[in-house]
Amino acid sequence: MDRVKAKQITNCLDTVSAQEVSGVKRFSAPQVFLGQRQSMVVSDGFIYWVASPENLDENGNSRLSMESGSLVLEFFDGQWTRF
């Protein structure tokens, strides 16, 4: 029996073979990378480090962005505040 390649199955991710992605990829939803204690979310020009990916605006979360060529680091304590 022949094996079906991951690229032939919708929403399937090949985690075994080496891959190279060229070109621009656009995502219509935030991208979430789950961790044991913190997760990382990429959304709307920010990289967030969060306790819960469902709530970006939660006390203790932080985020990174670019502004006029400089990196901006902020934390959430009721509102987003720059370090």
Protein backbone atom coordinates (compact mmCIF):
# COMPACT_ATOMS: atom_id res chain seq x y z
CA MET A 1 0.00 0.00 0.00
CA ASP A 2 1.35 3.46 -0.92
CA ARG A 3 1.68 6.12 1.74
CA VAL A 4 -0.26 9.35 1.39
CA LYS A 5 1.94 12.44 1.65
CA ALA A 6 1.02 15.09 4.23
CA LYS A 7 0.72 17.75 1.52
CA GLN A 8 -2.16 15.77 0.00
CA ILE A 9 -4.27 16.08 3.17
CA THR A 10 -5.92 19.39 4.06
CA ASN A 11 -4.70 20.90 7.39
CA CYS A 12 -2.07 18.18 7.84
CA LEU A 13 1.38 19.19 9.09
CA ASP A 14 4.44 17.10 8.26
CA THR A 15 6.57 17.11 11.42
CA VAL A 16 9.05 14.42 10.31
CA SER A 17 10.77 15.52 7.11
CA ALA A 18 12.93 18.62 6.65
CA GLN A 19 11.07 21.46 4.99
CA GLU A 20 11.89 24.79 3.43
CA VAL A 21 9.21 27.42 2.90
CA SER A 22 9.81 30.09 0.29
CA GLY A 23 7.59 33.02 -0.50
CA VAL A 24 5.18 34.92 1.71
CA LYS A 25 2.58 33.14 3.81
CA ARG A 26 -0.46 35.04 5.08
CA PHE A 27 -2.51 33.83 8.02
CA SER A 28 -6.13 34.81 8.57
CA ALA A 29 -6.03 33.95 12.29
CA PRO A 30 -3.49 34.38 15.10
CA GLN A 31 -0.78 31.71 15.15
CA VAL A 32 -0.38 29.98 18.53
CA PHE A 33 2.66 28.05 19.79
CA LEU A 34 1.75 26.21 22.98
CA GLY A 35 4.22 25.79 25.85
CA GLN A 36 4.03 24.19 29.29
CA ARG A 37 3.99 27.44 31.31
CA GLN A 38 3.68 30.12 28.66
CA SER A 39 2.54 30.16 25.07
CA MET A 40 3.52 32.44 22.21
CA VAL A 41 0.92 34.05 19.94
CA VAL A 42 1.68 36.00 16.74
CA SER A 43 -1.18 38.37 15.93
CA ASP A 44 -1.69 41.81 14.35
CA GLY A 45 2.00 42.76 14.26
CA PHE A 46 2.74 41.63 17.85
CA ILE A 47 4.46 38.60 19.34
CA TYR A 48 2.75 37.84 22.66
CA TRP A 49 3.98 35.70 25.57
CA VAL A 50 0.85 34.64 27.42
CA ALA A 51 -0.43 32.30 30.12
CA SER A 52 -3.61 31.63 28.12
CA PRO A 53 -3.69 31.99 24.30
CA GLU A 54 -7.41 32.80 24.48
CA ASN A 55 -6.78 36.02 26.46
CA LEU A 56 -4.03 38.30 25.12
CA ASP A 57 -4.98 41.20 27.41
CA GLU A 58 -4.36 39.43 30.74
CA ASN A 59 -2.26 40.71 33.65
CA GLY A 60 1.31 39.41 33.42
CA ASN A 61 1.35 38.97 29.63
CA SER A 62 4.00 40.71 27.54
CA ARG A 63 4.31 41.55 23.86
CA LEU A 64 6.92 42.69 21.36
CA SER A 65 6.43 44.87 18.28
CA MET A 66 8.32 47.20 15.93
CA GLU A 67 7.84 50.95 15.84
CA SER A 68 9.88 53.19 13.51
CA GLY A 69 12.59 50.53 13.24
CA SER A 70 12.89 49.97 16.99
CA LEU A 71 11.70 47.05 19.08
CA VAL A 72 8.98 47.90 21.61
CA LEU A 73 8.42 45.63 24.63
CA GLU A 74 5.22 46.04 26.66
CA PHE A 75 3.56 44.28 29.60
CA PHE A 76 -0.11 44.13 30.56
CA ASP A 77 -1.21 45.31 34.01
CA GLY A 78 -4.75 46.53 33.31
CA GLN A 79 -3.39 48.28 30.20
CA TRP A 80 -0.40 47.83 27.91
CA THR A 81 2.64 49.67 29.31
CA ARG A 82 6.12 49.95 27.80
CA PHE A 83 9.09 48.62 29.76
